[in-house]
């Protein structure tokens, strides 16, 4: 199990993973290094997308009031011959 070294900033995320290491040999170790630039903008864009979806799906108050008025003004048939 490898635990990455992580450095996060607003501009980028930097990960270092230990991939291979032999304690007996003196050959060294193998690392994988990942640099993810502007990754926080992906999260920010997702939040803006969710907020925009909620705003677009919010019911319109005037339409709701008009629908309530129409249901209250339905004429009743008193006596049908």
PDB file of N, CA and C in Angstrom:
ATOM      1  N   UNK A   1       0.846  -1.171   0.000  1.00  0.00           N
ATOM      2  CA  UNK A   1       0.000   0.000   0.000  1.00  0.00           C
ATOM      3  C   UNK A   1       0.890   1.231   0.000  1.00  0.00           C
ATOM      4  N   UNK A   2       0.613   2.137  -0.903  1.00  0.00           N
ATOM      5  CA  UNK A   2       1.384   3.376  -0.954  1.00  0.00           C
ATOM      6  C   UNK A   2       0.484   4.535  -0.588  1.00  0.00           C
ATOM      7  N   UNK A   3       0.984   5.406   0.191  1.00  0.00           N
ATOM      8  CA  UNK A   3       0.278   6.614   0.578  1.00  0.00           C
ATOM      9  C   UNK A   3       0.934   7.764  -0.173  1.00  0.00           C
ATOM     10  N   UNK A   4       0.168   8.502  -0.979  1.00  0.00           N
ATOM     11  CA  UNK A   4       0.789   9.549  -1.782  1.00  0.00           C
ATOM     12  C   UNK A   4       1.156  10.771  -0.953  1.00  0.00           C
ATOM     13  N   UNK A   5       2.184  11.436  -1.410  1.00  0.00           N
ATOM     14  CA  UNK A   5       2.486  12.758  -0.895  1.00  0.00           C
ATOM     15  C   UNK A   5       1.700  13.749  -1.726  1.00  0.00           C
ATOM     16  N   UNK A   6       0.954  14.606  -1.099  1.00  0.00           N
ATOM     17  CA  UNK A   6       0.054  15.511  -1.817  1.00  0.00           C
ATOM     18  C   UNK A   6       0.365  16.944  -1.424  1.00  0.00           C
ATOM     19  N   UNK A   7       0.412  17.805  -2.433  1.00  0.00           N
ATOM     20  CA  UNK A   7       0.486  19.239  -2.195  1.00  0.00           C
ATOM     21  C   UNK A   7      -0.604  19.873  -3.049  1.00  0.00           C
ATOM     22  N   UNK A   8      -1.566  20.479  -2.401  1.00  0.00           N
ATOM     23  CA  UNK A   8      -2.679  21.113  -3.100  1.00  0.00           C
ATOM     24  C   UNK A   8      -2.593  22.619  -2.942  1.00  0.00           C
ATOM     25  N   UNK A   9      -2.876  23.290  -4.024  1.00  0.00           N
ATOM     26  CA  UNK A   9      -2.999  24.747  -3.997  1.00  0.00           C
ATOM     27  C   UNK A   9      -4.158  25.101  -4.916  1.00  0.00           C
ATOM     28  N   UNK A  10      -4.477  26.375  -5.014  1.00  0.00           N
ATOM     29  CA  UNK A  10      -5.569  26.783  -5.881  1.00  0.00           C
ATOM     30  C   UNK A  10      -5.220  26.548  -7.345  1.00  0.00           C
ATOM     31  N   UNK A  11      -3.936  26.609  -7.668  1.00  0.00           N
ATOM     32  CA  UNK A  11      -3.510  26.474  -9.058  1.00  0.00           C
ATOM     33  C   UNK A  11      -3.392  25.026  -9.514  1.00  0.00           C
ATOM     34  N   UNK A  12      -2.966  24.105  -8.622  1.00  0.00           N
ATOM     35  CA  UNK A  12      -2.747  22.735  -9.061  1.00  0.00           C
ATOM     36  C   UNK A  12      -2.681  21.774  -7.880  1.00  0.00           C
ATOM     37  N   UNK A  13      -2.723  20.467  -8.211  1.00  0.00           N
ATOM     38  CA  UNK A  13      -2.501  19.394  -7.245  1.00  0.00           C
ATOM     39  C   UNK A  13      -1.267  18.625  -7.695  1.00  0.00           C
ATOM     40  N   UNK A  14      -0.413  18.290  -6.758  1.00  0.00           N
ATOM     41  CA  UNK A  14       0.844  17.610  -7.048  1.00  0.00           C
ATOM     42  C   UNK A  14       0.905  16.352  -6.194  1.00  0.00           C
ATOM     43  N   UNK A  15       0.967  15.165  -6.844  1.00  0.00           N
ATOM     44  CA  UNK A  15       0.988  13.881  -6.147  1.00  0.00           C
ATOM     45  C   UNK A  15       2.305  13.172  -6.428  1.00  0.00           C
ATOM     46  N   UNK A  16       2.874  12.524  -5.404  1.00  0.00           N
ATOM     47  CA  UNK A  16       4.048  11.681  -5.563  1.00  0.00           C
ATOM     48  C   UNK A  16       3.726  10.324  -4.936  1.00  0.00           C
ATOM     49  N   UNK A  17       3.846   9.253  -5.743  1.00  0.00           N
ATOM     50  CA  UNK A  17       3.548   7.893  -5.289  1.00  0.00           C
ATOM     51  C   UNK A  17       4.820   7.047  -5.345  1.00  0.00           C
ATOM     52  N   UNK A  18       5.040   6.256  -4.316  1.00  0.00           N
ATOM     53  CA  UNK A  18       6.132   5.286  -4.311  1.00  0.00           C
ATOM     54  C   UNK A  18       5.616   4.020  -4.981  1.00  0.00           C
ATOM     55  N   UNK A  19       6.179   3.681  -6.142  1.00  0.00           N
ATOM     56  CA  UNK A  19       5.703   2.545  -6.915  1.00  0.00           C
ATOM     57  C   UNK A  19       6.509   1.287  -6.602  1.00  0.00           C
ATOM     58  N   UNK A  20       7.816   1.397  -6.609  1.00  0.00           N
ATOM     59  CA  UNK A  20       8.639   0.222  -6.376  1.00  0.00           C
ATOM     60  C   UNK A  20       9.844   0.551  -5.512  1.00  0.00           C
ATOM     61  N   UNK A  21      10.162  -0.398  -4.599  1.00  0.00           N
ATOM     62  CA  UNK A  21      11.316  -0.193  -3.735  1.00  0.00           C
ATOM     63  C   UNK A  21      11.790  -1.547  -3.251  1.00  0.00           C
ATOM     64  N   UNK A  22      13.059  -1.809  -3.431  1.00  0.00           N
ATOM     65  CA  UNK A  22      13.673  -3.052  -2.978  1.00  0.00           C
ATOM     66  C   UNK A  22      14.625  -2.714  -1.835  1.00  0.00           C
ATOM     67  N   UNK A  23      14.330  -3.166  -0.618  1.00  0.00           N
ATOM     68  CA  UNK A  23      15.184  -2.807   0.517  1.00  0.00           C
ATOM     69  C   UNK A  23      16.566  -3.456   0.462  1.00  0.00           C
ATOM     70  N   UNK A  24      16.720  -4.564  -0.269  1.00  0.00           N
ATOM     71  CA  UNK A  24      18.010  -5.253  -0.315  1.00  0.00           C
ATOM     72  C   UNK A  24      18.946  -4.586  -1.309  1.00  0.00           C
ATOM     73  N   UNK A  25      18.458  -4.223  -2.455  1.00  0.00           N
ATOM     74  CA  UNK A  25      19.328  -3.637  -3.472  1.00  0.00           C
ATOM     75  C   UNK A  25      19.536  -2.154  -3.212  1.00  0.00           C
ATOM     76  N   UNK A  26      20.598  -1.649  -3.800  1.00  0.00           N
ATOM     77  CA  UNK A  26      20.894  -0.221  -3.658  1.00  0.00           C
ATOM     78  C   UNK A  26      20.521   0.534  -4.922  1.00  0.00           C
ATOM     79  N   UNK A  27      19.682  -0.098  -5.759  1.00  0.00           N
ATOM     80  CA  UNK A  27      19.307   0.502  -7.038  1.00  0.00           C
ATOM     81  C   UNK A  27      18.445   1.736  -6.900  1.00  0.00           C
ATOM     82  N   UNK A  28      17.702   1.836  -5.850  1.00  0.00           N
ATOM     83  CA  UNK A  28      16.878   3.012  -5.646  1.00  0.00           C
ATOM     84  C   UNK A  28      15.401   2.669  -5.578  1.00  0.00           C
ATOM     85  N   UNK A  29      14.606   3.646  -5.817  1.00  0.00           N
ATOM     86  CA  UNK A  29      13.159   3.511  -5.726  1.00  0.00           C
ATOM     87  C   UNK A  29      12.539   4.112  -6.981  1.00  0.00           C
ATOM     88  N   UNK A  30      11.326   3.676  -7.261  1.00  0.00           N
ATOM     89  CA  UNK A  30      10.589   4.186  -8.411  1.00  0.00           C
ATOM     90  C   UNK A  30       9.400   4.993  -7.905  1.00  0.00           C
ATOM     91  N   UNK A  31       9.262   6.191  -8.441  1.00  0.00           N
ATOM     92  CA  UNK A  31       8.178   7.090  -8.067  1.00  0.00           C
ATOM     93  C   UNK A  31       7.351   7.434  -9.291  1.00  0.00           C
ATOM     94  N   UNK A  32       6.070   7.674  -9.081  1.00  0.00           N
ATOM     95  CA  UNK A  32       5.213   8.276 -10.103  1.00  0.00           C
ATOM     96  C   UNK A  32       4.825   9.651  -9.598  1.00  0.00           C
ATOM     97  N   UNK A  33       4.955  10.617 -10.465  1.00  0.00           N
ATOM     98  CA  UNK A  33       4.664  12.007 -10.114  1.00  0.00           C
ATOM     99  C   UNK A  33       3.537  12.489 -11.018  1.00  0.00           C
ATOM    100  N   UNK A  34       2.472  13.007 -10.413  1.00  0.00           N
ATOM    101  CA  UNK A  34       1.328  13.539 -11.144  1.00  0.00           C
ATOM    102  C   UNK A  34       1.160  15.017 -10.814  1.00  0.00           C
ATOM    103  N   UNK A  35       0.989  15.810 -11.853  1.00  0.00           N
ATOM    104  CA  UNK A  35       0.678  17.227 -11.693  1.00  0.00           C
ATOM    105  C   UNK A  35      -0.649  17.477 -12.392  1.00  0.00           C
ATOM    106  N   UNK A  36      -1.666  17.834 -11.623  1.00  0.00           N
ATOM    107  CA  UNK A  36      -2.996  18.124 -12.158  1.00  0.00           C
ATOM    108  C   UNK A  36      -3.242  19.626 -12.060  1.00  0.00           C
ATOM    109  N   UNK A  37      -2.996  20.364 -13.143  1.00  0.00           N
ATOM    110  CA  UNK A  37      -3.183  21.808 -13.081  1.00  0.00           C
ATOM    111  C   UNK A  37      -4.656  22.194 -13.090  1.00  0.00           C
ATOM    112  N   UNK A  38      -4.977  23.231 -12.364  1.00  0.00           N
ATOM    113  CA  UNK A  38      -6.307  23.843 -12.339  1.00  0.00           C
ATOM    114  C   UNK A  38      -7.417  22.871 -11.963  1.00  0.00           C
ATOM    115  N   UNK A  39      -7.134  21.886 -11.135  1.00  0.00           N
ATOM    116  CA  UNK A  39      -8.130  20.885 -10.754  1.00  0.00           C
ATOM    117  C   UNK A  39      -9.244  21.497  -9.904  1.00  0.00           C
ATOM    118  N   UNK A  40      -8.959  22.539  -9.171  1.00  0.00           N
ATOM    119  CA  UNK A  40      -9.997  23.171  -8.345  1.00  0.00           C
ATOM    120  C   UNK A  40     -11.056  23.857  -9.199  1.00  0.00           C
ATOM    121  N   UNK A  41     -10.692  24.239 -10.434  1.00  0.00           N
ATOM    122  CA  UNK A  41     -11.696  24.820 -11.318  1.00  0.00           C
ATOM    123  C   UNK A  41     -12.715  23.773 -11.764  1.00  0.00           C
ATOM    124  N   UNK A  42     -12.322  22.496 -11.803  1.00  0.00           N
ATOM    125  CA  UNK A  42     -13.275  21.431 -12.109  1.00  0.00           C
ATOM    126  C   UNK A  42     -14.319  21.348 -10.998  1.00  0.00           C
ATOM    127  N   UNK A  43     -13.872  21.370  -9.746  1.00  0.00           N
ATOM    128  CA  UNK A  43     -14.807  21.340  -8.611  1.00  0.00           C
ATOM    129  C   UNK A  43     -15.690  22.588  -8.596  1.00  0.00           C
ATOM    130  N   UNK A  44     -15.111  23.746  -8.844  1.00  0.00           N
ATOM    131  CA  UNK A  44     -15.878  24.992  -8.890  1.00  0.00           C
ATOM    132  C   UNK A  44     -16.921  24.942 -10.008  1.00  0.00           C
ATOM    133  N   UNK A  45     -16.546  24.433 -11.165  1.00  0.00           N
ATOM    134  CA  UNK A  45     -17.490  24.306 -12.276  1.00  0.00           C
ATOM    135  C   UNK A  45     -18.634  23.358 -11.943  1.00  0.00           C
ATOM    136  N   UNK A  46     -18.333  22.287 -11.228  1.00  0.00           N
ATOM    137  CA  UNK A  46     -19.385  21.355 -10.809  1.00  0.00           C
ATOM    138  C   UNK A  46     -20.373  22.007  -9.863  1.00  0.00           C
ATOM    139  N   UNK A  47     -19.869  22.803  -8.936  1.00  0.00           N
ATOM    140  CA  UNK A  47     -20.751  23.504  -7.996  1.00  0.00           C
ATOM    141  C   UNK A  47     -21.626  24.525  -8.720  1.00  0.00           C
ATOM    142  N   UNK A  48     -21.051  25.239  -9.680  1.00  0.00           N
ATOM    143  CA  UNK A  48     -21.828  26.207 -10.457  1.00  0.00           C
ATOM    144  C   UNK A  48     -22.892  25.484 -11.288  1.00  0.00           C
ATOM    145  N   UNK A  49     -22.547  24.332 -11.831  1.00  0.00           N
ATOM    146  CA  UNK A  49     -23.506  23.525 -12.602  1.00  0.00           C
ATOM    147  C   UNK A  49     -24.688  23.094 -11.734  1.00  0.00           C
ATOM    148  N   UNK A  50     -24.410  22.622 -10.528  1.00  0.00           N
ATOM    149  CA  UNK A  50     -25.487  22.202  -9.622  1.00  0.00           C
ATOM    150  C   UNK A  50     -26.350  23.392  -9.222  1.00  0.00           C
ATOM    151  N   UNK A  51     -25.727  24.518  -8.909  1.00  0.00           N
ATOM    152  CA  UNK A  51     -26.482  25.723  -8.548  1.00  0.00           C
ATOM    153  C   UNK A  51     -27.363  26.186  -9.707  1.00  0.00           C
ATOM    154  N   UNK A  52     -26.835  26.164 -10.925  1.00  0.00           N
ATOM    155  CA  UNK A  52     -27.624  26.554 -12.094  1.00  0.00           C
ATOM    156  C   UNK A  52     -28.795  25.627 -12.345  1.00  0.00           C
ATOM    157  N   UNK A  53     -28.589  24.331 -12.102  1.00  0.00           N
ATOM    158  CA  UNK A  53     -29.680  23.367 -12.257  1.00  0.00           C
ATOM    159  C   UNK A  53     -30.789  23.629 -11.248  1.00  0.00           C
ATOM    160  N   UNK A  54     -30.409  23.929 -10.009  1.00  0.00           N
ATOM    161  CA  UNK A  54     -31.414  24.227  -8.986  1.00  0.00           C
ATOM    162  C   UNK A  54     -32.180  25.500  -9.304  1.00  0.00           C
ATOM    163  N   UNK A  55     -31.496  26.513  -9.801  1.00  0.00           N
ATOM    164  CA  UNK A  55     -32.175  27.762 -10.165  1.00  0.00           C
ATOM    165  C   UNK A  55     -33.124  27.527 -11.338  1.00  0.00           C
ATOM    166  N   UNK A  56     -32.698  26.755 -12.328  1.00  0.00           N
ATOM    167  CA  UNK A  56     -33.549  26.499 -13.493  1.00  0.00           C
ATOM    168  C   UNK A  56     -34.762  25.646 -13.135  1.00  0.00           C
ATOM    169  N   UNK A  57     -34.625  24.766 -12.169  1.00  0.00           N
ATOM    170  CA  UNK A  57     -35.725  23.872 -11.798  1.00  0.00           C
ATOM    171  C   UNK A  57     -36.656  24.487 -10.767  1.00  0.00           C
ATOM    172  N   UNK A  58     -36.316  25.653 -10.229  1.00  0.00           N
ATOM    173  CA  UNK A  58     -37.133  26.291  -9.213  1.00  0.00           C
ATOM    174  C   UNK A  58     -38.462  26.713  -9.816  1.00  0.00           C
ATOM    175  N   UNK A  59     -39.586  26.421  -9.165  1.00  0.00           N
ATOM    176  CA  UNK A  59     -40.884  26.776  -9.760  1.00  0.00           C
ATOM    177  C   UNK A  59     -41.089  28.290  -9.784  1.00  0.00           C
ATOM    178  N   UNK A  60     -41.767  28.739 -10.828  1.00  0.00           N
ATOM    179  CA  UNK A  60     -42.057  30.162 -10.987  1.00  0.00           C
ATOM    180  C   UNK A  60     -43.263  30.509 -10.115  1.00  0.00           C
ATOM    181  N   UNK A  61     -43.156  31.543  -9.294  1.00  0.00           N
ATOM    182  CA  UNK A  61     -44.217  31.899  -8.339  1.00  0.00           C
ATOM    183  C   UNK A  61     -45.477  32.374  -9.058  1.00  0.00           C
ATOM    184  N   UNK A  62     -45.348  33.146 -10.137  1.00  0.00           N
ATOM    185  CA  UNK A  62     -46.525  33.662 -10.842  1.00  0.00           C
ATOM    186  C   UNK A  62     -47.315  32.534 -11.504  1.00  0.00           C
ATOM    187  N   UNK A  63     -46.656  31.563 -12.031  1.00  0.00           N
ATOM    188  CA  UNK A  63     -47.340  30.431 -12.655  1.00  0.00           C
ATOM    189  C   UNK A  63     -48.085  29.643 -11.592  1.00  0.00           C
ATOM    190  N   UNK A  64     -47.492  29.449 -10.448  1.00  0.00           N
ATOM    191  CA  UNK A  64     -48.128  28.704  -9.353  1.00  0.00           C
ATOM    192  C   UNK A  64     -49.363  29.446  -8.853  1.00  0.00           C
ATOM    193  N   UNK A  65     -49.282  30.769  -8.714  1.00  0.00           N
ATOM    194  CA  UNK A  65     -50.431  31.567  -8.256  1.00  0.00           C
ATOM    195  C   UNK A  65     -51.556  31.490  -9.280  1.00  0.00           C
ATOM    196  N   UNK A  66     -51.238  31.575 -10.560  1.00  0.00           N
ATOM    197  CA  UNK A  66     -52.254  31.494 -11.605  1.00  0.00           C
ATOM    198  C   UNK A  66     -52.925  30.125 -11.615  1.00  0.00           C
ATOM    199  N   UNK A  67     -52.174  29.085 -11.384  1.00  0.00           N
ATOM    200  CA  UNK A  67     -52.748  27.740 -11.348  1.00  0.00           C
ATOM    201  C   UNK A  67     -53.706  27.591 -10.165  1.00  0.00           C
ATOM    202  N   UNK A  68     -53.359  28.182  -9.024  1.00  0.00           N
ATOM    203  CA  UNK A  68     -54.245  28.132  -7.858  1.00  0.00           C
ATOM    204  C   UNK A  68     -55.520  28.923  -8.132  1.00  0.00           C
ATOM    205  N   UNK A  69     -55.432  30.075  -8.788  1.00  0.00           N
ATOM    206  CA  UNK A  69     -56.613  30.878  -9.121  1.00  0.00           C
ATOM    207  C   UNK A  69     -57.538  30.122 -10.069  1.00  0.00           C
ATOM    208  N   UNK A  70     -56.970  29.433 -11.043  1.00  0.00           N
ATOM    209  CA  UNK A  70     -57.790  28.698 -12.005  1.00  0.00           C
ATOM    210  C   UNK A  70     -58.525  27.543 -11.334  1.00  0.00           C
ATOM    211  N   UNK A  71     -57.914  26.892 -10.387  1.00  0.00           N
ATOM    212  CA  UNK A  71     -58.590  25.776  -9.728  1.00  0.00           C
ATOM    213  C   UNK A  71     -59.678  26.263  -8.787  1.00  0.00           C
ATOM    214  N   UNK A  72     -59.586  27.479  -8.265  1.00  0.00           N
ATOM    215  CA  UNK A  72     -60.604  28.007  -7.361  1.00  0.00           C
ATOM    216  C   UNK A  72     -61.804  28.554  -8.121  1.00  0.00           C
ATOM    217  N   UNK A  73     -61.683  28.919  -9.380  1.00  0.00           N
ATOM    218  CA  UNK A  73     -62.749  29.552 -10.131  1.00  0.00           C
ATOM    219  C   UNK A  73     -63.477  28.568 -11.049  1.00  0.00           C
ATOM    220  N   UNK A  74     -63.501  27.334 -10.728  1.00  0.00           N
ATOM    221  CA  UNK A  74     -64.203  26.359 -11.537  1.00  0.00           C
ATOM    222  C   UNK A  74     -65.693  26.452 -11.221  1.00  0.00           C
ATOM    223  N   UNK A  75     -66.542  26.714 -12.215  1.00  0.00           N
ATOM    224  CA  UNK A  75     -67.988  26.817 -11.954  1.00  0.00           C
ATOM    225  C   UNK A  75     -68.579  25.444 -11.643  1.00  0.00           C
ATOM    226  N   UNK A  76     -69.512  25.445 -10.741  1.00  0.00           N
ATOM    227  CA  UNK A  76     -70.170  24.201 -10.350  1.00  0.00           C
ATOM    228  C   UNK A  76     -71.524  24.113 -11.037  1.00  0.00           C
ATOM    229  N   UNK A  77     -71.879  22.954 -11.470  1.00  0.00           N
ATOM    230  CA  UNK A  77     -73.182  22.718 -12.078  1.00  0.00           C
ATOM    231  C   UNK A  77     -74.146  22.358 -10.957  1.00  0.00           C
ATOM    232  N   UNK A  78     -75.197  23.199 -10.769  1.00  0.00           N
ATOM    233  CA  UNK A  78     -76.104  23.032  -9.647  1.00  0.00           C
ATOM    234  C   UNK A  78     -77.140  21.963  -9.935  1.00  0.00           C
ATOM    235  N   UNK A  79     -77.828  22.099 -10.962  1.00  0.00           N
ATOM    236  CA  UNK A  79     -78.867  21.127 -11.258  1.00  0.00           C
ATOM    237  C   UNK A  79     -78.904  20.862 -12.743  1.00  0.00           C
ATOM    238  N   UNK A  80     -78.625  19.679 -13.086  1.00  0.00           N
ATOM    239  CA  UNK A  80     -78.676  19.333 -14.503  1.00  0.00           C
ATOM    240  C   UNK A  80     -79.933  18.535 -14.754  1.00  0.00           C
ATOM    241  N   UNK A  81     -80.884  19.135 -15.195  1.00  0.00           N
ATOM    242  CA  UNK A  81     -82.208  18.626 -15.536  1.00  0.00           C
ATOM    243  C   UNK A  81     -82.401  17.203 -15.369  1.00  0.00           C
TER     244      UNK A  81
END
